[in-house]
PDB file of all heavy atoms in Angstrom:
ATOM      1  N   LYS A   1       0.842  -1.197   0.000  1.00  0.00           N
ATOM      2  CA  LYS A   1       0.000   0.000   0.000  1.00  0.00           C
ATOM      3  C   LYS A   1       0.877   1.246   0.000  1.00  0.00           C
ATOM      4  O   LYS A   1       1.877   1.311   0.716  1.00  0.00           O
ATOM      5  CB  LYS A   1      -0.935   0.029   1.214  1.00  0.00           C
ATOM      6  CG  LYS A   1      -1.923   1.190   1.186  1.00  0.00           C
ATOM      7  CD  LYS A   1      -2.903   1.105   2.351  1.00  0.00           C
ATOM      8  CE  LYS A   1      -3.924   2.235   2.306  1.00  0.00           C
ATOM      9  NZ  LYS A   1      -4.884   2.165   3.440  1.00  0.00           N
ATOM     10  N   GLU A   2       0.499   2.209  -0.809  1.00  0.00           N
ATOM     11  CA  GLU A   2       1.168   3.514  -0.848  1.00  0.00           C
ATOM     12  C   GLU A   2       0.109   4.600  -0.748  1.00  0.00           C
ATOM     13  O   GLU A   2      -0.867   4.597  -1.503  1.00  0.00           O
ATOM     14  CB  GLU A   2       1.961   3.677  -2.133  1.00  0.00           C
ATOM     15  CG  GLU A   2       2.617   5.040  -2.283  1.00  0.00           C
ATOM     16  CD  GLU A   2       3.374   5.188  -3.593  1.00  0.00           C
ATOM     17  OE1 GLU A   2       3.724   4.152  -4.202  1.00  0.00           O
ATOM     18  OE2 GLU A   2       3.611   6.340  -4.002  1.00  0.00           O
ATOM     19  N   THR A   3       0.302   5.517   0.178  1.00  0.00           N
ATOM     20  CA  THR A   3      -0.628   6.631   0.355  1.00  0.00           C
ATOM     21  C   THR A   3       0.103   7.935   0.047  1.00  0.00           C
ATOM     22  O   THR A   3       1.093   8.270   0.708  1.00  0.00           O
ATOM     23  CB  THR A   3      -1.179   6.675   1.795  1.00  0.00           C
ATOM     24  OG1 THR A   3      -1.816   5.428   2.094  1.00  0.00           O
ATOM     25  CG2 THR A   3      -2.191   7.799   1.945  1.00  0.00           C
ATOM     26  N   ASP A   4      -0.370   8.644  -0.966  1.00  0.00           N
ATOM     27  CA  ASP A   4       0.235   9.907  -1.384  1.00  0.00           C
ATOM     28  C   ASP A   4      -0.653  11.061  -0.947  1.00  0.00           C
ATOM     29  O   ASP A   4      -1.869  11.058  -1.204  1.00  0.00           O
ATOM     30  CB  ASP A   4       0.403   9.950  -2.910  1.00  0.00           C
ATOM     31  CG  ASP A   4       1.356   8.867  -3.405  1.00  0.00           C
ATOM     32  OD1 ASP A   4       2.261   8.507  -2.649  1.00  0.00           O
ATOM     33  OD2 ASP A   4       1.172   8.389  -4.531  1.00  0.00           O
ATOM     34  N   THR A   5      -0.042  12.049  -0.316  1.00  0.00           N
ATOM     35  CA  THR A   5      -0.774  13.226   0.162  1.00  0.00           C
ATOM     36  C   THR A   5      -0.158  14.476  -0.442  1.00  0.00           C
ATOM     37  O   THR A   5       1.061  14.683  -0.357  1.00  0.00           O
ATOM     38  CB  THR A   5      -0.725  13.324   1.691  1.00  0.00           C
ATOM     39  OG1 THR A   5      -1.258  12.124   2.269  1.00  0.00           O
ATOM     40  CG2 THR A   5      -1.546  14.512   2.181  1.00  0.00           C
ATOM     41  N   LEU A   6      -0.993  15.297  -1.071  1.00  0.00           N
ATOM     42  CA  LEU A   6      -0.567  16.569  -1.646  1.00  0.00           C
ATOM     43  C   LEU A   6      -1.275  17.687  -0.888  1.00  0.00           C
ATOM     44  O   LEU A   6      -2.511  17.733  -0.835  1.00  0.00           O
ATOM     45  CB  LEU A   6      -0.924  16.625  -3.138  1.00  0.00           C
ATOM     46  CG  LEU A   6      -0.485  17.863  -3.908  1.00  0.00           C
ATOM     47  CD1 LEU A   6       1.034  17.973  -3.934  1.00  0.00           C
ATOM     48  CD2 LEU A   6      -1.040  17.834  -5.334  1.00  0.00           C
ATOM     49  N   TYR A   7      -0.481  18.580  -0.286  1.00  0.00           N
ATOM     50  CA  TYR A   7      -1.036  19.623   0.561  1.00  0.00           C
ATOM     51  C   TYR A   7      -1.310  20.896  -0.229  1.00  0.00           C
ATOM     52  O   TYR A   7      -0.587  21.228  -1.168  1.00  0.00           O
ATOM     53  CB  TYR A   7      -0.076  19.935   1.717  1.00  0.00           C
ATOM     54  CG  TYR A   7       0.120  18.776   2.649  1.00  0.00           C
ATOM     55  CD1 TYR A   7       1.150  17.866   2.443  1.00  0.00           C
ATOM     56  CD2 TYR A   7      -0.717  18.583   3.741  1.00  0.00           C
ATOM     57  CE1 TYR A   7       1.343  16.792   3.305  1.00  0.00           C
ATOM     58  CE2 TYR A   7      -0.539  17.512   4.610  1.00  0.00           C
ATOM     59  CZ  TYR A   7       0.488  16.616   4.380  1.00  0.00           C
ATOM     60  OH  TYR A   7       0.674  15.562   5.215  1.00  0.00           O
ATOM     61  N   ASP A   8      -2.360  21.606   0.174  1.00  0.00           N
ATOM     62  CA  ASP A   8      -2.673  22.898  -0.433  1.00  0.00           C
ATOM     63  C   ASP A   8      -1.539  23.886  -0.162  1.00  0.00           C
ATOM     64  O   ASP A   8      -0.949  23.884   0.918  1.00  0.00           O
ATOM     65  CB  ASP A   8      -3.991  23.437   0.133  1.00  0.00           C
ATOM     66  CG  ASP A   8      -4.426  24.727  -0.540  1.00  0.00           C
ATOM     67  OD1 ASP A   8      -4.004  25.808  -0.081  1.00  0.00           O
ATOM     68  OD2 ASP A   8      -5.177  24.652  -1.533  1.00  0.00           O
ATOM     69  N   ASP A   9      -1.242  24.728  -1.148  1.00  0.00           N
ATOM     70  CA  ASP A   9      -0.119  25.646  -1.042  1.00  0.00           C
ATOM     71  C   ASP A   9      -0.314  26.672   0.070  1.00  0.00           C
ATOM     72  O   ASP A   9       0.651  27.145   0.663  1.00  0.00           O
ATOM     73  CB  ASP A   9       0.092  26.356  -2.384  1.00  0.00           C
ATOM     74  CG  ASP A   9       1.395  27.132  -2.412  1.00  0.00           C
ATOM     75  OD1 ASP A   9       2.437  26.533  -2.097  1.00  0.00           O
ATOM     76  OD2 ASP A   9       1.355  28.332  -2.738  1.00  0.00           O
ATOM     77  N   GLN A  10      -1.560  27.007   0.371  1.00  0.00           N
ATOM     78  CA  GLN A  10      -1.839  28.033   1.380  1.00  0.00           C
ATOM     79  C   GLN A  10      -2.372  27.461   2.687  1.00  0.00           C
ATOM     80  O   GLN A  10      -2.057  27.948   3.763  1.00  0.00           O
ATOM     81  CB  GLN A  10      -2.857  29.047   0.828  1.00  0.00           C
ATOM     82  CG  GLN A  10      -2.385  29.776  -0.424  1.00  0.00           C
ATOM     83  CD  GLN A  10      -1.165  30.648  -0.163  1.00  0.00           C
ATOM     84  OE1 GLN A  10      -1.034  31.235   0.923  1.00  0.00           O
ATOM     85  NE2 GLN A  10      -0.272  30.733  -1.144  1.00  0.00           N
ATOM     86  N   TYR A  11      -3.179  26.403   2.587  1.00  0.00           N
ATOM     87  CA  TYR A  11      -3.810  25.839   3.775  1.00  0.00           C
ATOM     88  C   TYR A  11      -3.472  24.353   3.843  1.00  0.00           C
ATOM     89  O   TYR A  11      -4.050  23.537   3.115  1.00  0.00           O
ATOM     90  CB  TYR A  11      -5.333  26.027   3.738  1.00  0.00           C
ATOM     91  CG  TYR A  11      -5.747  27.477   3.577  1.00  0.00           C
ATOM     92  CD1 TYR A  11      -6.073  27.983   2.320  1.00  0.00           C
ATOM     93  CD2 TYR A  11      -5.796  28.337   4.676  1.00  0.00           C
ATOM     94  CE1 TYR A  11      -6.448  29.312   2.162  1.00  0.00           C
ATOM     95  CE2 TYR A  11      -6.174  29.658   4.528  1.00  0.00           C
ATOM     96  CZ  TYR A  11      -6.493  30.140   3.272  1.00  0.00           C
ATOM     97  OH  TYR A  11      -6.866  31.451   3.118  1.00  0.00           O
ATOM     98  N   THR A  12      -2.541  24.001   4.732  1.00  0.00           N
ATOM     99  CA  THR A  12      -2.072  22.626   4.777  1.00  0.00           C
ATOM    100  C   THR A  12      -3.128  21.660   5.303  1.00  0.00           C
ATOM    101  O   THR A  12      -2.981  20.445   5.161  1.00  0.00           O
ATOM    102  CB  THR A  12      -0.812  22.520   5.655  1.00  0.00           C
ATOM    103  OG1 THR A  12      -1.092  23.037   6.971  1.00  0.00           O
ATOM    104  CG2 THR A  12       0.333  23.307   5.040  1.00  0.00           C
ATOM    105  N   SER A  13      -4.198  22.206   5.919  1.00  0.00           N
ATOM    106  CA  SER A  13      -5.277  21.323   6.354  1.00  0.00           C
ATOM    107  C   SER A  13      -6.074  20.801   5.167  1.00  0.00           C
ATOM    108  O   SER A  13      -6.803  19.816   5.279  1.00  0.00           O
ATOM    109  CB  SER A  13      -6.204  22.062   7.327  1.00  0.00           C
ATOM    110  OG  SER A  13      -6.760  23.207   6.698  1.00  0.00           O
ATOM    111  N   ARG A  14      -5.926  21.462   4.021  1.00  0.00           N
ATOM    112  CA  ARG A  14      -6.569  21.001   2.793  1.00  0.00           C
ATOM    113  C   ARG A  14      -5.567  20.120   2.030  1.00  0.00           C
ATOM    114  O   ARG A  14      -4.449  20.548   1.767  1.00  0.00           O
ATOM    115  CB  ARG A  14      -6.990  22.182   1.919  1.00  0.00           C
ATOM    116  CG  ARG A  14      -7.975  23.129   2.575  1.00  0.00           C
ATOM    117  CD  ARG A  14      -8.241  24.318   1.662  1.00  0.00           C
ATOM    118  NE  ARG A  14      -9.134  25.292   2.275  1.00  0.00           N
ATOM    119  CZ  ARG A  14      -9.461  26.470   1.725  1.00  0.00           C
ATOM    120  NH1 ARG A  14      -8.931  26.794   0.548  1.00  0.00           N
ATOM    121  NH2 ARG A  14     -10.273  27.287   2.353  1.00  0.00           N
ATOM    122  N   LYS A  15      -5.988  18.954   1.709  1.00  0.00           N
ATOM    123  CA  LYS A  15      -5.074  18.035   1.056  1.00  0.00           C
ATOM    124  C   LYS A  15      -5.826  17.045   0.181  1.00  0.00           C
ATOM    125  O   LYS A  15      -7.015  16.783   0.396  1.00  0.00           O
ATOM    126  CB  LYS A  15      -4.233  17.296   2.097  1.00  0.00           C
ATOM    127  CG  LYS A  15      -5.047  16.669   3.223  1.00  0.00           C
ATOM    128  CD  LYS A  15      -4.151  16.274   4.376  1.00  0.00           C
ATOM    129  CE  LYS A  15      -4.975  15.785   5.565  1.00  0.00           C
ATOM    130  NZ  LYS A  15      -4.120  15.469   6.725  1.00  0.00           N
ATOM    131  N   VAL A  16      -5.102  16.533  -0.793  1.00  0.00           N
ATOM    132  CA  VAL A  16      -5.621  15.510  -1.687  1.00  0.00           C
ATOM    133  C   VAL A  16      -4.876  14.215  -1.378  1.00  0.00           C
ATOM    134  O   VAL A  16      -3.640  14.174  -1.421  1.00  0.00           O
ATOM    135  CB  VAL A  16      -5.425  15.904  -3.166  1.00  0.00           C
ATOM    136  CG1 VAL A  16      -5.900  14.781  -4.087  1.00  0.00           C
ATOM    137  CG2 VAL A  16      -6.175  17.202  -3.473  1.00  0.00           C
ATOM    138  N   ILE A  17      -5.626  13.170  -1.057  1.00  0.00           N
ATOM    139  CA  ILE A  17      -5.033  11.895  -0.668  1.00  0.00           C
ATOM    140  C   ILE A  17      -5.368  10.834  -1.710  1.00  0.00           C
ATOM    141  O   ILE A  17      -6.529  10.670  -2.086  1.00  0.00           O
ATOM    142  CB  ILE A  17      -5.526  11.450   0.720  1.00  0.00           C
ATOM    143  CG1 ILE A  17      -5.153  12.496   1.775  1.00  0.00           C
ATOM    144  CG2 ILE A  17      -4.955  10.089   1.080  1.00  0.00           C
ATOM    145  CD1 ILE A  17      -5.691  12.182   3.156  1.00  0.00           C
ATOM    146  N   THR A  18      -4.356  10.158  -2.182  1.00  0.00           N
ATOM    147  CA  THR A  18      -4.516   9.062  -3.133  1.00  0.00           C
ATOM    148  C   THR A  18      -3.900   7.812  -2.534  1.00  0.00           C
ATOM    149  O   THR A  18      -2.757   7.829  -2.068  1.00  0.00           O
ATOM    150  CB  THR A  18      -3.842   9.388  -4.476  1.00  0.00           C
ATOM    151  OG1 THR A  18      -4.390  10.587  -5.011  1.00  0.00           O
ATOM    152  CG2 THR A  18      -4.049   8.260  -5.470  1.00  0.00           C
ATOM    153  N   SER A  19      -4.655   6.722  -2.548  1.00  0.00           N
ATOM    154  CA  SER A  19      -4.196   5.474  -1.956  1.00  0.00           C
ATOM    155  C   SER A  19      -4.126   4.393  -3.032  1.00  0.00           C
ATOM    156  O   SER A  19      -5.066   4.207  -3.800  1.00  0.00           O
ATOM    157  CB  SER A  19      -5.149   5.044  -0.834  1.00  0.00           C
ATOM    158  OG  SER A  19      -4.784   3.783  -0.322  1.00  0.00           O
ATOM    159  N   THR A  20      -2.983   3.688  -3.086  1.00  0.00           N
ATOM    160  CA  THR A  20      -2.805   2.603  -4.050  1.00  0.00           C
ATOM    161  C   THR A  20      -2.422   1.335  -3.320  1.00  0.00           C
ATOM    162  O   THR A  20      -1.486   1.327  -2.513  1.00  0.00           O
ATOM    163  CB  THR A  20      -1.710   2.947  -5.079  1.00  0.00           C
ATOM    164  OG1 THR A  20      -2.046   4.162  -5.749  1.00  0.00           O
ATOM    165  CG2 THR A  20      -1.577   1.836  -6.113  1.00  0.00           C
ATOM    166  N   THR A  21      -3.154   0.250  -3.580  1.00  0.00           N
ATOM    167  CA  THR A  21      -2.834  -1.051  -3.012  1.00  0.00           C
ATOM    168  C   THR A  21      -2.327  -1.963  -4.122  1.00  0.00           C
ATOM    169  O   THR A  21      -2.713  -1.825  -5.291  1.00  0.00           O
ATOM    170  CB  THR A  21      -4.054  -1.689  -2.332  1.00  0.00           C
ATOM    171  OG1 THR A  21      -5.121  -1.786  -3.276  1.00  0.00           O
ATOM    172  CG2 THR A  21      -4.506  -0.848  -1.155  1.00  0.00           C
ATOM    173  N   TYR A  22      -1.459  -2.916  -3.745  1.00  0.00           N
ATOM    174  CA  TYR A  22      -0.816  -3.794  -4.716  1.00  0.00           C
ATOM    175  C   TYR A  22      -1.046  -5.251  -4.337  1.00  0.00           C
ATOM    176  O   TYR A  22      -0.995  -5.618  -3.156  1.00  0.00           O
ATOM    177  CB  TYR A  22       0.690  -3.525  -4.781  1.00  0.00           C
ATOM    178  CG  TYR A  22       1.032  -2.104  -5.176  1.00  0.00           C
ATOM    179  CD1 TYR A  22       1.204  -1.119  -4.197  1.00  0.00           C
ATOM    180  CD2 TYR A  22       1.189  -1.734  -6.503  1.00  0.00           C
ATOM    181  CE1 TYR A  22       1.518   0.193  -4.540  1.00  0.00           C
ATOM    182  CE2 TYR A  22       1.508  -0.431  -6.863  1.00  0.00           C
ATOM    183  CZ  TYR A  22       1.666   0.524  -5.875  1.00  0.00           C
ATOM    184  OH  TYR A  22       1.976   1.814  -6.218  1.00  0.00           O
ATOM    185  N   GLN A  23      -1.286  -6.069  -5.369  1.00  0.00           N
ATOM    186  CA  GLN A  23      -1.382  -7.513  -5.210  1.00  0.00           C
ATOM    187  C   GLN A  23      -0.267  -8.176  -6.023  1.00  0.00           C
ATOM    188  O   GLN A  23       0.200  -7.610  -7.024  1.00  0.00           O
ATOM    189  CB  GLN A  23      -2.751  -8.023  -5.682  1.00  0.00           C
ATOM    190  CG  GLN A  23      -3.936  -7.405  -4.968  1.00  0.00           C
ATOM    191  CD  GLN A  23      -4.045  -7.853  -3.521  1.00  0.00           C
ATOM    192  OE1 GLN A  23      -3.668  -8.977  -3.195  1.00  0.00           O
ATOM    193  NE2 GLN A  23      -4.556  -6.982  -2.655  1.00  0.00           N
ATOM    194  N   TYR A  24       0.137  -9.390  -5.623  1.00  0.00           N
ATOM    195  CA  TYR A  24       1.251 -10.074  -6.280  1.00  0.00           C
ATOM    196  C   TYR A  24       0.867 -11.516  -6.597  1.00  0.00           C
ATOM    197  O   TYR A  24       0.134 -12.157  -5.832  1.00  0.00           O
ATOM    198  CB  TYR A  24       2.494 -10.064  -5.384  1.00  0.00           C
ATOM    199  CG  TYR A  24       2.994  -8.673  -5.099  1.00  0.00           C
ATOM    200  CD1 TYR A  24       2.459  -7.926  -4.042  1.00  0.00           C
ATOM    201  CD2 TYR A  24       3.964  -8.076  -5.888  1.00  0.00           C
ATOM    202  CE1 TYR A  24       2.898  -6.634  -3.785  1.00  0.00           C
ATOM    203  CE2 TYR A  24       4.417  -6.781  -5.633  1.00  0.00           C
ATOM    204  CZ  TYR A  24       3.870  -6.068  -4.586  1.00  0.00           C
ATOM    205  OH  TYR A  24       4.292  -4.789  -4.342  1.00  0.00           O
ATOM    206  N   GLU A  25       1.355 -11.990  -7.755  1.00  0.00           N
ATOM    207  CA  GLU A  25       1.139 -13.399  -8.077  1.00  0.00           C
ATOM    208  C   GLU A  25       2.113 -14.238  -7.236  1.00  0.00           C
ATOM    209  O   GLU A  25       3.156 -13.750  -6.806  1.00  0.00           O
ATOM    210  CB  GLU A  25       1.302 -13.650  -9.586  1.00  0.00           C
ATOM    211  CG  GLU A  25       2.577 -13.135 -10.214  1.00  0.00           C
ATOM    212  CD  GLU A  25       3.744 -14.038  -9.954  1.00  0.00           C
ATOM    213  OE1 GLU A  25       3.534 -15.256  -9.816  1.00  0.00           O
ATOM    214  OE2 GLU A  25       4.885 -13.539  -9.878  1.00  0.00           O
ATOM    215  N   GLY A  26       1.772 -15.505  -7.031  1.00  0.00           N
ATOM    216  CA  GLY A  26       2.492 -16.298  -6.058  1.00  0.00           C
ATOM    217  C   GLY A  26       3.736 -16.992  -6.561  1.00  0.00           C
ATOM    218  O   GLY A  26       4.540 -17.448  -5.756  1.00  0.00           O
ATOM    219  N   GLN A  27       3.940 -17.072  -7.895  1.00  0.00           N
ATOM    220  CA  GLN A  27       5.065 -17.856  -8.398  1.00  0.00           C
ATOM    221  C   GLN A  27       6.392 -17.104  -8.307  1.00  0.00           C
ATOM    222  O   GLN A  27       7.382 -17.634  -7.816  1.00  0.00           O
ATOM    223  CB  GLN A  27       4.793 -18.275  -9.847  1.00  0.00           C
ATOM    224  CG  GLN A  27       5.840 -19.209 -10.430  1.00  0.00           C
ATOM    225  CD  GLN A  27       5.478 -19.691 -11.818  1.00  0.00           C
ATOM    226  OE1 GLN A  27       4.424 -19.347 -12.355  1.00  0.00           O
ATOM    227  NE2 GLN A  27       6.354 -20.483 -12.408  1.00  0.00           N
ATOM    228  N   HIS A  28       6.408 -15.863  -8.795  1.00  0.00           N
ATOM    229  CA  HIS A  28       7.640 -15.076  -8.795  1.00  0.00           C
ATOM    230  C   HIS A  28       7.475 -13.732  -8.071  1.00  0.00           C
ATOM    231  O   HIS A  28       8.354 -12.882  -8.145  1.00  0.00           O
ATOM    232  CB  HIS A  28       8.107 -14.823 -10.226  1.00  0.00           C
ATOM    233  CG  HIS A  28       8.485 -16.064 -10.970  1.00  0.00           C
ATOM    234  ND1 HIS A  28       9.634 -16.769 -10.691  1.00  0.00           N
ATOM    235  CD2 HIS A  28       7.859 -16.742 -11.965  1.00  0.00           C
ATOM    236  CE1 HIS A  28       9.714 -17.822 -11.487  1.00  0.00           C
ATOM    237  NE2 HIS A  28       8.651 -17.836 -12.271  1.00  0.00           N
ATOM    238  N   LEU A  29       6.327 -13.541  -7.425  1.00  0.00           N
ATOM    239  CA  LEU A  29       6.038 -12.321  -6.666  1.00  0.00           C
ATOM    240  C   LEU A  29       6.109 -11.066  -7.531  1.00  0.00           C
ATOM    241  O   LEU A  29       6.569 -10.015  -7.080  1.00  0.00           O
ATOM    242  CB  LEU A  29       6.990 -12.193  -5.459  1.00  0.00           C
ATOM    243  CG  LEU A  29       6.895 -13.306  -4.411  1.00  0.00           C
ATOM    244  CD1 LEU A  29       7.826 -13.013  -3.248  1.00  0.00           C
ATOM    245  CD2 LEU A  29       5.467 -13.478  -3.928  1.00  0.00           C
ATOM    246  N   GLN A  30       5.648 -11.174  -8.764  1.00  0.00           N
ATOM    247  CA  GLN A  30       5.510  -9.999  -9.615  1.00  0.00           C
ATOM    248  C   GLN A  30       4.151  -9.346  -9.345  1.00  0.00           C
ATOM    249  O   GLN A  30       3.188 -10.030  -8.994  1.00  0.00           O
ATOM    250  CB  GLN A  30       5.615 -10.378 -11.095  1.00  0.00           C
ATOM    251  CG  GLN A  30       6.944 -10.975 -11.501  1.00  0.00           C
ATOM    252  CD  GLN A  30       8.069  -9.959 -11.439  1.00  0.00           C
ATOM    253  OE1 GLN A  30       7.838  -8.761 -11.408  1.00  0.00           O
ATOM    254  NE2 GLN A  30       9.302 -10.448 -11.434  1.00  0.00           N
ATOM    255  N   PRO A  31       4.046  -8.005  -9.486  1.00  0.00           N
ATOM    256  CA  PRO A  31       2.744  -7.354  -9.262  1.00  0.00           C
ATOM    257  C   PRO A  31       1.678  -7.909 -10.204  1.00  0.00           C
ATOM    258  O   PRO A  31       1.887  -7.981 -11.413  1.00  0.00           O
ATOM    259  CB  PRO A  31       3.036  -5.877  -9.562  1.00  0.00           C
ATOM    260  CG  PRO A  31       4.513  -5.740  -9.383  1.00  0.00           C
ATOM    261  CD  PRO A  31       5.114  -7.037  -9.819  1.00  0.00           C
ATOM    262  N   SER A  32       0.564  -8.323  -9.659  1.00  0.00           N
ATOM    263  CA  SER A  32      -0.531  -8.827 -10.477  1.00  0.00           C
ATOM    264  C   SER A  32      -1.626  -7.787 -10.675  1.00  0.00           C
ATOM    265  O   SER A  32      -2.355  -7.831 -11.665  1.00  0.00           O
ATOM    266  CB  SER A  32      -1.132 -10.085  -9.858  1.00  0.00           C
ATOM    267  OG  SER A  32      -1.610  -9.827  -8.548  1.00  0.00           O
TER     268      SER A  32
END
Protein backbone atom coordinates (compact mmCIF):
# COMPACT_ATOMS: atom_id res chain seq x y z
CA LYS A 1 0.00 0.00 0.00
CA GLU A 2 1.17 3.51 -0.85
CA THR A 3 -0.63 6.63 0.35
CA ASP A 4 0.23 9.91 -1.38
CA THR A 5 -0.77 13.23 0.16
CA LEU A 6 -0.57 16.57 -1.65
CA TYR A 7 -1.04 19.62 0.56
CA ASP A 8 -2.67 22.90 -0.43
CA ASP A 9 -0.12 25.65 -1.04
CA GLN A 10 -1.84 28.03 1.38
CA TYR A 11 -3.81 25.84 3.77
CA THR A 12 -2.07 22.63 4.78
CA SER A 13 -5.28 21.32 6.35
CA ARG A 14 -6.57 21.00 2.79
CA LYS A 15 -5.07 18.03 1.06
CA VAL A 16 -5.62 15.51 -1.69
CA ILE A 17 -5.03 11.89 -0.67
CA THR A 18 -4.52 9.06 -3.13
CA SER A 19 -4.20 5.47 -1.96
CA THR A 20 -2.80 2.60 -4.05
CA THR A 21 -2.83 -1.05 -3.01
CA TYR A 22 -0.82 -3.79 -4.72
CA GLN A 23 -1.38 -7.51 -5.21
CA TYR A 24 1.25 -10.07 -6.28
CA GLU A 25 1.14 -13.40 -8.08
CA GLY A 26 2.49 -16.30 -6.06
CA GLN A 27 5.06 -17.86 -8.40
CA HIS A 28 7.64 -15.08 -8.79
CA LEU A 29 6.04 -12.32 -6.67
CA GLN A 30 5.51 -10.00 -9.62
CA PRO A 31 2.74 -7.35 -9.26
CA SER A 32 -0.53 -8.83 -10.48
